[in-house]
């Protein structure tokens, strides 16, 4: 299934579950009947927000490395984050696939056919890489999605009153399937969010965590994680930085402190 197909499935699934919860005999429907429209409206808006965030993360540039790191004239900061300058004695290696100068922590993605800055992983669900540019928004998306799923779990549970009859099962099969699907997705999203927040707090990536022993700049460093600057600074740099980071500067500065 292609990227367009996955996005269509995501949108259709979100809309179908939300609509099913609104139409079945749940707390949301009971509130609608009593004219209390605030919670149903907020729930629908949250579902819409999660879908919009999904499309934003899946379609945006994750931090593709441009040829020879040249910022094209006329590009605004909205179109391209500023490429940091490096000391003259720091040399970037060339990627063996796309032949661009590859900054530290970048990796070539075989599926996207691009080198990605601060490469984390290629996410099959969003059909895009998660890198330095879209990683913060990816975590925001996971957070909003988790809130939606937990709320949907509560709504679905409120509509499940069990009766030992075939007619009851026929009338509630959609709600039961929705509930099971929500539980599965809640577990997956929760585990993803926890793992990503932990890695971000340590200033490491999924790729670096899984392949530490194979990455040259980690194997040859005196520090286990040369990019870790403490939880507060790591989170600040990750969520609040408006520019790409020159990781080479941090790497060589931290290593030189040990000499």
C-alpha atoms as a PDB file:
ATOM      1  CA  UNK A   1       0.000   0.000   0.000  1.00  0.00           C
ATOM      2  CA  UNK A   2       1.378   3.419  -0.980  1.00  0.00           C
ATOM      3  CA  UNK A   3       1.684   6.552   1.121  1.00  0.00           C
ATOM      4  CA  UNK A   4      -1.584   7.956  -0.245  1.00  0.00           C
ATOM      5  CA  UNK A   5      -3.365   4.708   0.636  1.00  0.00           C
ATOM      6  CA  UNK A   6      -2.074   4.727   4.218  1.00  0.00           C
ATOM      7  CA  UNK A   7      -3.148   8.333   4.707  1.00  0.00           C
ATOM      8  CA  UNK A   8      -6.592   7.517   3.332  1.00  0.00           C
ATOM      9  CA  UNK A   9      -6.864   4.509   5.687  1.00  0.00           C
ATOM     10  CA  UNK A  10      -5.802   6.647   8.665  1.00  0.00           C
ATOM     11  CA  UNK A  11      -8.366   9.345   7.844  1.00  0.00           C
ATOM     12  CA  UNK A  12     -11.163   6.856   7.148  1.00  0.00           C
ATOM     13  CA  UNK A  13     -10.444   4.876  10.334  1.00  0.00           C
ATOM     14  CA  UNK A  14     -10.386   8.006  12.499  1.00  0.00           C
ATOM     15  CA  UNK A  15     -13.624   9.306  10.969  1.00  0.00           C
ATOM     16  CA  UNK A  16     -15.403   5.927  11.198  1.00  0.00           C
ATOM     17  CA  UNK A  17     -14.522   5.342  14.860  1.00  0.00           C
ATOM     18  CA  UNK A  18     -15.399   8.924  15.865  1.00  0.00           C
ATOM     19  CA  UNK A  19     -18.715   8.759  13.993  1.00  0.00           C
ATOM     20  CA  UNK A  20     -19.514   5.341  15.469  1.00  0.00           C
ATOM     21  CA  UNK A  21     -18.919   6.594  19.000  1.00  0.00           C
ATOM     22  CA  UNK A  22     -21.180   9.583  18.353  1.00  0.00           C
ATOM     23  CA  UNK A  23     -24.004   7.457  16.914  1.00  0.00           C
ATOM     24  CA  UNK A  24     -23.969   4.625  19.467  1.00  0.00           C
ATOM     25  CA  UNK A  25     -25.553   4.808  22.896  1.00  0.00           C
ATOM     26  CA  UNK A  26     -22.519   6.255  24.687  1.00  0.00           C
ATOM     27  CA  UNK A  27     -21.939   9.164  27.064  1.00  0.00           C
ATOM     28  CA  UNK A  28     -21.385  11.456  24.077  1.00  0.00           C
ATOM     29  CA  UNK A  29     -24.787  10.627  22.576  1.00  0.00           C
ATOM     30  CA  UNK A  30     -26.504  11.057  25.943  1.00  0.00           C
ATOM     31  CA  UNK A  31     -24.918  14.501  26.288  1.00  0.00           C
ATOM     32  CA  UNK A  32     -26.092  15.429  22.784  1.00  0.00           C
ATOM     33  CA  UNK A  33     -29.648  14.391  23.677  1.00  0.00           C
ATOM     34  CA  UNK A  34     -29.552  16.674  26.730  1.00  0.00           C
ATOM     35  CA  UNK A  35     -28.255  19.577  24.648  1.00  0.00           C
ATOM     36  CA  UNK A  36     -24.763  19.444  26.230  1.00  0.00           C
ATOM     37  CA  UNK A  37     -22.678  19.859  23.087  1.00  0.00           C
ATOM     38  CA  UNK A  38     -19.358  21.049  24.543  1.00  0.00           C
ATOM     39  CA  UNK A  39     -17.726  17.644  25.090  1.00  0.00           C
ATOM     40  CA  UNK A  40     -18.888  16.132  21.747  1.00  0.00           C
ATOM     41  CA  UNK A  41     -17.606  19.240  19.954  1.00  0.00           C
ATOM     42  CA  UNK A  42     -14.233  19.161  21.745  1.00  0.00           C
ATOM     43  CA  UNK A  43     -13.881  15.439  20.978  1.00  0.00           C
ATOM     44  CA  UNK A  44     -14.568  15.969  17.257  1.00  0.00           C
ATOM     45  CA  UNK A  45     -12.103  18.889  17.173  1.00  0.00           C
ATOM     46  CA  UNK A  46      -9.425  16.752  18.860  1.00  0.00           C
ATOM     47  CA  UNK A  47      -9.930  13.959  16.312  1.00  0.00           C
ATOM     48  CA  UNK A  48      -9.666  16.512  13.500  1.00  0.00           C
ATOM     49  CA  UNK A  49      -6.534  17.996  15.076  1.00  0.00           C
ATOM     50  CA  UNK A  50      -4.888  14.556  15.307  1.00  0.00           C
ATOM     51  CA  UNK A  51      -5.639  13.863  11.626  1.00  0.00           C
ATOM     52  CA  UNK A  52      -4.254  17.257  10.558  1.00  0.00           C
ATOM     53  CA  UNK A  53      -1.098  16.672  12.622  1.00  0.00           C
ATOM     54  CA  UNK A  54      -0.709  13.249  11.025  1.00  0.00           C
ATOM     55  CA  UNK A  55      -0.830  14.768   7.534  1.00  0.00           C
ATOM     56  CA  UNK A  56       1.545  17.567   8.531  1.00  0.00           C
ATOM     57  CA  UNK A  57       4.160  15.158   9.941  1.00  0.00           C
ATOM     58  CA  UNK A  58       3.825  12.712   7.060  1.00  0.00           C
ATOM     59  CA  UNK A  59       4.106  15.346   4.311  1.00  0.00           C
ATOM     60  CA  UNK A  60       6.710  17.742   5.709  1.00  0.00           C
ATOM     61  CA  UNK A  61      10.451  17.726   5.072  1.00  0.00           C
ATOM     62  CA  UNK A  62      12.005  15.759   7.981  1.00  0.00           C
ATOM     63  CA  UNK A  63      15.349  17.516   7.495  1.00  0.00           C
ATOM     64  CA  UNK A  64      16.660  16.330   4.152  1.00  0.00           C
ATOM     65  CA  UNK A  65      20.316  17.240   3.611  1.00  0.00           C
ATOM     66  CA  UNK A  66      20.681  19.536   0.621  1.00  0.00           C
ATOM     67  CA  UNK A  67      23.479  19.065  -1.923  1.00  0.00           C
ATOM     68  CA  UNK A  68      26.747  20.339  -0.380  1.00  0.00           C
ATOM     69  CA  UNK A  69      24.665  21.955   2.401  1.00  0.00           C
ATOM     70  CA  UNK A  70      23.970  25.001   0.279  1.00  0.00           C
ATOM     71  CA  UNK A  71      20.947  27.045   1.265  1.00  0.00           C
ATOM     72  CA  UNK A  72      19.210  28.094  -1.903  1.00  0.00           C
ATOM     73  CA  UNK A  73      18.969  31.892  -2.473  1.00  0.00           C
ATOM     74  CA  UNK A  74      15.534  33.306  -1.832  1.00  0.00           C
ATOM     75  CA  UNK A  75      14.455  30.546   0.549  1.00  0.00           C
ATOM     76  CA  UNK A  76      12.802  31.858   3.659  1.00  0.00           C
ATOM     77  CA  UNK A  77      13.290  30.365   7.112  1.00  0.00           C
ATOM     78  CA  UNK A  78       9.784  28.885   6.780  1.00  0.00           C
ATOM     79  CA  UNK A  79      10.965  26.929   3.726  1.00  0.00           C
ATOM     80  CA  UNK A  80      14.377  25.899   4.997  1.00  0.00           C
ATOM     81  CA  UNK A  81      15.870  26.018   8.485  1.00  0.00           C
ATOM     82  CA  UNK A  82      19.221  27.794   8.600  1.00  0.00           C
ATOM     83  CA  UNK A  83      22.188  25.460   8.081  1.00  0.00           C
ATOM     84  CA  UNK A  84      24.753  26.007  10.864  1.00  0.00           C
ATOM     85  CA  UNK A  85      28.348  26.962  10.069  1.00  0.00           C
ATOM     86  CA  UNK A  86      31.080  24.547  11.127  1.00  0.00           C
ATOM     87  CA  UNK A  87      34.705  25.180  12.119  1.00  0.00           C
ATOM     88  CA  UNK A  88      37.059  25.004   9.141  1.00  0.00           C
ATOM     89  CA  UNK A  89      38.906  21.966  10.552  1.00  0.00           C
ATOM     90  CA  UNK A  90      35.720  19.850  10.699  1.00  0.00           C
ATOM     91  CA  UNK A  91      35.138  17.868   7.516  1.00  0.00           C
ATOM     92  CA  UNK A  92      31.850  16.237   6.612  1.00  0.00           C
ATOM     93  CA  UNK A  93      31.900  12.855   4.908  1.00  0.00           C
ATOM     94  CA  UNK A  94      30.059  12.214   1.653  1.00  0.00           C
ATOM     95  CA  UNK A  95      27.137   9.833   1.513  1.00  0.00           C
ATOM     96  CA  UNK A  96      27.901   6.794  -0.615  1.00  0.00           C
ATOM     97  CA  UNK A  97      24.351   6.784  -2.031  1.00  0.00           C
ATOM     98  CA  UNK A  98      23.343  10.359  -2.864  1.00  0.00           C
ATOM     99  CA  UNK A  99      26.859  11.887  -2.663  1.00  0.00           C
ATOM    100  CA  UNK A 100      25.863  14.862  -0.481  1.00  0.00           C
ATOM    101  CA  UNK A 101      28.087  16.059   2.361  1.00  0.00           C
ATOM    102  CA  UNK A 102      26.606  14.305   5.347  1.00  0.00           C
ATOM    103  CA  UNK A 103      26.594  16.163   8.696  1.00  0.00           C
ATOM    104  CA  UNK A 104      27.050  14.265  11.949  1.00  0.00           C
ATOM    105  CA  UNK A 105      23.988  12.287  13.100  1.00  0.00           C
ATOM    106  CA  UNK A 106      22.578  12.240   9.554  1.00  0.00           C
ATOM    107  CA  UNK A 107      21.789   8.948   7.836  1.00  0.00           C
ATOM    108  CA  UNK A 108      20.738   7.963   4.350  1.00  0.00           C
ATOM    109  CA  UNK A 109      17.238   6.488   4.182  1.00  0.00           C
ATOM    110  CA  UNK A 110      16.940   3.826   1.486  1.00  0.00           C
ATOM    111  CA  UNK A 111      13.153   4.282   1.303  1.00  0.00           C
ATOM    112  CA  UNK A 112      13.152   8.087   0.993  1.00  0.00           C
ATOM    113  CA  UNK A 113      16.380   8.126  -1.066  1.00  0.00           C
ATOM    114  CA  UNK A 114      17.661  11.104   0.947  1.00  0.00           C
ATOM    115  CA  UNK A 115      20.047  11.781   3.807  1.00  0.00           C
ATOM    116  CA  UNK A 116      18.132  13.028   6.850  1.00  0.00           C
ATOM    117  CA  UNK A 117      19.526  15.279   9.580  1.00  0.00           C
ATOM    118  CA  UNK A 118      19.486  13.792  13.093  1.00  0.00           C
ATOM    119  CA  UNK A 119      17.865  10.707  11.618  1.00  0.00           C
ATOM    120  CA  UNK A 120      15.628   8.892  14.106  1.00  0.00           C
ATOM    121  CA  UNK A 121      13.795   6.268  12.043  1.00  0.00           C
ATOM    122  CA  UNK A 122      11.633   5.765   8.969  1.00  0.00           C
ATOM    123  CA  UNK A 123       8.064   5.435  10.200  1.00  0.00           C
ATOM    124  CA  UNK A 124       5.992   3.094   7.997  1.00  0.00           C
ATOM    125  CA  UNK A 125       2.686   4.472   9.332  1.00  0.00           C
ATOM    126  CA  UNK A 126       3.394   8.058   8.232  1.00  0.00           C
ATOM    127  CA  UNK A 127       5.429   6.874   5.206  1.00  0.00           C
ATOM    128  CA  UNK A 128       8.115   9.436   6.002  1.00  0.00           C
ATOM    129  CA  UNK A 129      11.343   9.718   7.932  1.00  0.00           C
ATOM    130  CA  UNK A 130      11.396  11.190  11.411  1.00  0.00           C
ATOM    131  CA  UNK A 131      14.324  13.589  11.567  1.00  0.00           C
ATOM    132  CA  UNK A 132      15.549  16.831  13.074  1.00  0.00           C
ATOM    133  CA  UNK A 133      12.863  18.965  11.503  1.00  0.00           C
ATOM    134  CA  UNK A 134       9.676  16.960  12.098  1.00  0.00           C
ATOM    135  CA  UNK A 135      10.629  14.948  15.204  1.00  0.00           C
ATOM    136  CA  UNK A 136       9.188  17.516  17.694  1.00  0.00           C
ATOM    137  CA  UNK A 137       5.906  17.646  15.761  1.00  0.00           C
ATOM    138  CA  UNK A 138       5.883  13.835  15.633  1.00  0.00           C
ATOM    139  CA  UNK A 139       5.898  13.764  19.450  1.00  0.00           C
ATOM    140  CA  UNK A 140       3.143  16.403  19.570  1.00  0.00           C
ATOM    141  CA  UNK A 141       1.121  14.219  17.189  1.00  0.00           C
ATOM    142  CA  UNK A 142       1.640  11.147  19.399  1.00  0.00           C
ATOM    143  CA  UNK A 143       0.570  13.141  22.475  1.00  0.00           C
ATOM    144  CA  UNK A 144      -2.638  14.422  20.865  1.00  0.00           C
ATOM    145  CA  UNK A 145      -3.367  10.971  19.443  1.00  0.00           C
ATOM    146  CA  UNK A 146      -2.954   9.416  22.899  1.00  0.00           C
ATOM    147  CA  UNK A 147      -5.427  11.898  24.431  1.00  0.00           C
ATOM    148  CA  UNK A 148      -7.935  11.107  21.663  1.00  0.00           C
ATOM    149  CA  UNK A 149      -7.495   7.349  22.134  1.00  0.00           C
ATOM    150  CA  UNK A 150      -7.865   7.470  25.919  1.00  0.00           C
ATOM    151  CA  UNK A 151     -10.989   9.587  25.618  1.00  0.00           C
ATOM    152  CA  UNK A 152     -12.364   7.284  22.887  1.00  0.00           C
ATOM    153  CA  UNK A 153     -11.608   4.280  25.122  1.00  0.00           C
ATOM    154  CA  UNK A 154     -13.718   5.819  27.910  1.00  0.00           C
ATOM    155  CA  UNK A 155     -16.546   6.718  25.487  1.00  0.00           C
ATOM    156  CA  UNK A 156     -16.612   3.217  23.962  1.00  0.00           C
ATOM    157  CA  UNK A 157     -16.608   1.616  27.418  1.00  0.00           C
ATOM    158  CA  UNK A 158     -19.546   3.816  28.485  1.00  0.00           C
ATOM    159  CA  UNK A 159     -21.640   2.306  25.691  1.00  0.00           C
ATOM    160  CA  UNK A 160     -20.856  -1.329  26.479  1.00  0.00           C
ATOM    161  CA  UNK A 161     -23.513  -2.868  28.736  1.00  0.00           C
ATOM    162  CA  UNK A 162     -23.190  -6.640  28.428  1.00  0.00           C
ATOM    163  CA  UNK A 163     -26.147  -8.919  27.816  1.00  0.00           C
ATOM    164  CA  UNK A 164     -25.932 -12.656  26.968  1.00  0.00           C
ATOM    165  CA  UNK A 165     -27.918 -12.508  23.729  1.00  0.00           C
ATOM    166  CA  UNK A 166     -27.189 -12.743  20.005  1.00  0.00           C
ATOM    167  CA  UNK A 167     -29.252  -9.610  19.250  1.00  0.00           C
ATOM    168  CA  UNK A 168     -27.146  -7.567  21.677  1.00  0.00           C
ATOM    169  CA  UNK A 169     -23.951  -8.772  20.021  1.00  0.00           C
ATOM    170  CA  UNK A 170     -25.265  -7.895  16.544  1.00  0.00           C
ATOM    171  CA  UNK A 171     -26.251  -4.388  17.618  1.00  0.00           C
ATOM    172  CA  UNK A 172     -22.971  -3.733  19.433  1.00  0.00           C
ATOM    173  CA  UNK A 173     -20.428  -5.481  17.195  1.00  0.00           C
ATOM    174  CA  UNK A 174     -19.107  -2.159  15.820  1.00  0.00           C
ATOM    175  CA  UNK A 175     -18.675  -0.746  19.331  1.00  0.00           C
ATOM    176  CA  UNK A 176     -16.882  -3.901  20.519  1.00  0.00           C
ATOM    177  CA  UNK A 177     -14.527  -3.900  17.523  1.00  0.00           C
ATOM    178  CA  UNK A 178     -13.889  -0.176  17.985  1.00  0.00           C
ATOM    179  CA  UNK A 179     -13.102  -0.726  21.657  1.00  0.00           C
ATOM    180  CA  UNK A 180     -10.586  -3.511  20.905  1.00  0.00           C
ATOM    181  CA  UNK A 181      -8.977  -1.445  18.137  1.00  0.00           C
ATOM    182  CA  UNK A 182      -8.707   1.572  20.437  1.00  0.00           C
ATOM    183  CA  UNK A 183      -7.064  -0.542  23.167  1.00  0.00           C
ATOM    184  CA  UNK A 184      -4.445  -1.884  20.716  1.00  0.00           C
ATOM    185  CA  UNK A 185      -3.632   1.556  19.292  1.00  0.00           C
ATOM    186  CA  UNK A 186      -3.519   3.089  22.781  1.00  0.00           C
ATOM    187  CA  UNK A 187      -0.876   0.593  23.900  1.00  0.00           C
ATOM    188  CA  UNK A 188       1.200   1.158  20.740  1.00  0.00           C
ATOM    189  CA  UNK A 189       1.016   4.967  20.905  1.00  0.00           C
ATOM    190  CA  UNK A 190       1.721   5.030  24.652  1.00  0.00           C
ATOM    191  CA  UNK A 191       4.827   2.865  24.265  1.00  0.00           C
ATOM    192  CA  UNK A 192       6.018   4.967  21.318  1.00  0.00           C
ATOM    193  CA  UNK A 193       5.524   8.221  23.193  1.00  0.00           C
ATOM    194  CA  UNK A 194       7.297   7.006  26.341  1.00  0.00           C
ATOM    195  CA  UNK A 195      10.265   5.644  24.384  1.00  0.00           C
ATOM    196  CA  UNK A 196      10.643   8.808  22.299  1.00  0.00           C
ATOM    197  CA  UNK A 197      10.409  11.115  25.323  1.00  0.00           C
ATOM    198  CA  UNK A 198      13.075   9.039  27.073  1.00  0.00           C
ATOM    199  CA  UNK A 199      15.401   9.168  24.058  1.00  0.00           C
ATOM    200  CA  UNK A 200      14.833  12.908  23.603  1.00  0.00           C
ATOM    201  CA  UNK A 201      15.617  13.550  27.281  1.00  0.00           C
ATOM    202  CA  UNK A 202      18.953  11.754  26.714  1.00  0.00           C
ATOM    203  CA  UNK A 203      19.530  13.518  23.360  1.00  0.00           C
ATOM    204  CA  UNK A 204      19.834  10.298  21.425  1.00  0.00           C
ATOM    205  CA  UNK A 205      17.863   8.853  18.527  1.00  0.00           C
ATOM    206  CA  UNK A 206      16.240   5.497  17.865  1.00  0.00           C
ATOM    207  CA  UNK A 207      18.889   4.755  15.227  1.00  0.00           C
ATOM    208  CA  UNK A 208      21.764   5.662  17.592  1.00  0.00           C
ATOM    209  CA  UNK A 209      20.207   3.693  20.445  1.00  0.00           C
ATOM    210  CA  UNK A 210      19.735   0.562  18.322  1.00  0.00           C
ATOM    211  CA  UNK A 211      23.025   0.787  16.366  1.00  0.00           C
ATOM    212  CA  UNK A 212      25.401   2.362  18.900  1.00  0.00           C
ATOM    213  CA  UNK A 213      28.090  -0.265  18.300  1.00  0.00           C
ATOM    214  CA  UNK A 214      28.088   0.335  14.520  1.00  0.00           C
ATOM    215  CA  UNK A 215      28.157   4.159  14.425  1.00  0.00           C
ATOM    216  CA  UNK A 216      31.716   5.479  14.091  1.00  0.00           C
ATOM    217  CA  UNK A 217      31.306   8.778  15.969  1.00  0.00           C
ATOM    218  CA  UNK A 218      29.794   6.932  18.954  1.00  0.00           C
ATOM    219  CA  UNK A 219      32.284   4.049  18.962  1.00  0.00           C
ATOM    220  CA  UNK A 220      35.284   6.420  18.970  1.00  0.00           C
ATOM    221  CA  UNK A 221      33.941   8.855  21.556  1.00  0.00           C
ATOM    222  CA  UNK A 222      35.231   8.791  25.136  1.00  0.00           C
ATOM    223  CA  UNK A 223      31.664   9.515  26.285  1.00  0.00           C
ATOM    224  CA  UNK A 224      28.815   7.019  26.048  1.00  0.00           C
ATOM    225  CA  UNK A 225      26.615   9.783  24.644  1.00  0.00           C
ATOM    226  CA  UNK A 226      28.638  12.869  23.593  1.00  0.00           C
ATOM    227  CA  UNK A 227      25.472  14.853  22.768  1.00  0.00           C
ATOM    228  CA  UNK A 228      23.823  14.565  26.194  1.00  0.00           C
ATOM    229  CA  UNK A 229      23.804  18.001  27.883  1.00  0.00           C
ATOM    230  CA  UNK A 230      21.369  17.229  30.674  1.00  0.00           C
ATOM    231  CA  UNK A 231      17.604  16.689  30.566  1.00  0.00           C
ATOM    232  CA  UNK A 232      16.594  20.382  30.683  1.00  0.00           C
ATOM    233  CA  UNK A 233      18.962  21.539  27.931  1.00  0.00           C
ATOM    234  CA  UNK A 234      18.221  18.449  25.826  1.00  0.00           C
ATOM    235  CA  UNK A 235      14.462  19.115  25.952  1.00  0.00           C
ATOM    236  CA  UNK A 236      14.937  22.844  25.352  1.00  0.00           C
ATOM    237  CA  UNK A 237      17.165  22.266  22.311  1.00  0.00           C
ATOM    238  CA  UNK A 238      14.771  19.649  20.939  1.00  0.00           C
ATOM    239  CA  UNK A 239      11.458  21.497  21.319  1.00  0.00           C
ATOM    240  CA  UNK A 240      12.492  25.168  21.215  1.00  0.00           C
ATOM    241  CA  UNK A 241      15.338  25.407  18.707  1.00  0.00           C
ATOM    242  CA  UNK A 242      14.333  27.153  15.474  1.00  0.00           C
ATOM    243  CA  UNK A 243      17.504  26.169  13.605  1.00  0.00           C
ATOM    244  CA  UNK A 244      19.429  23.043  12.754  1.00  0.00           C
ATOM    245  CA  UNK A 245      22.112  22.186  15.326  1.00  0.00           C
ATOM    246  CA  UNK A 246      25.789  21.799  14.426  1.00  0.00           C
ATOM    247  CA  UNK A 247      26.252  18.537  16.302  1.00  0.00           C
ATOM    248  CA  UNK A 248      29.941  18.460  15.351  1.00  0.00           C
ATOM    249  CA  UNK A 249      30.574  21.471  17.609  1.00  0.00           C
ATOM    250  CA  UNK A 250      28.971  19.767  20.607  1.00  0.00           C
ATOM    251  CA  UNK A 251      30.698  16.457  19.838  1.00  0.00           C
ATOM    252  CA  UNK A 252      34.247  17.826  19.601  1.00  0.00           C
ATOM    253  CA  UNK A 253      33.743  20.258  22.481  1.00  0.00           C
ATOM    254  CA  UNK A 254      32.544  17.493  24.844  1.00  0.00           C
ATOM    255  CA  UNK A 255      35.376  15.176  23.790  1.00  0.00           C
ATOM    256  CA  UNK A 256      37.998  17.910  24.250  1.00  0.00           C
ATOM    257  CA  UNK A 257      36.787  18.487  27.830  1.00  0.00           C
ATOM    258  CA  UNK A 258      38.046  15.009  28.732  1.00  0.00           C
ATOM    259  CA  UNK A 259      41.574  15.655  27.463  1.00  0.00           C
END
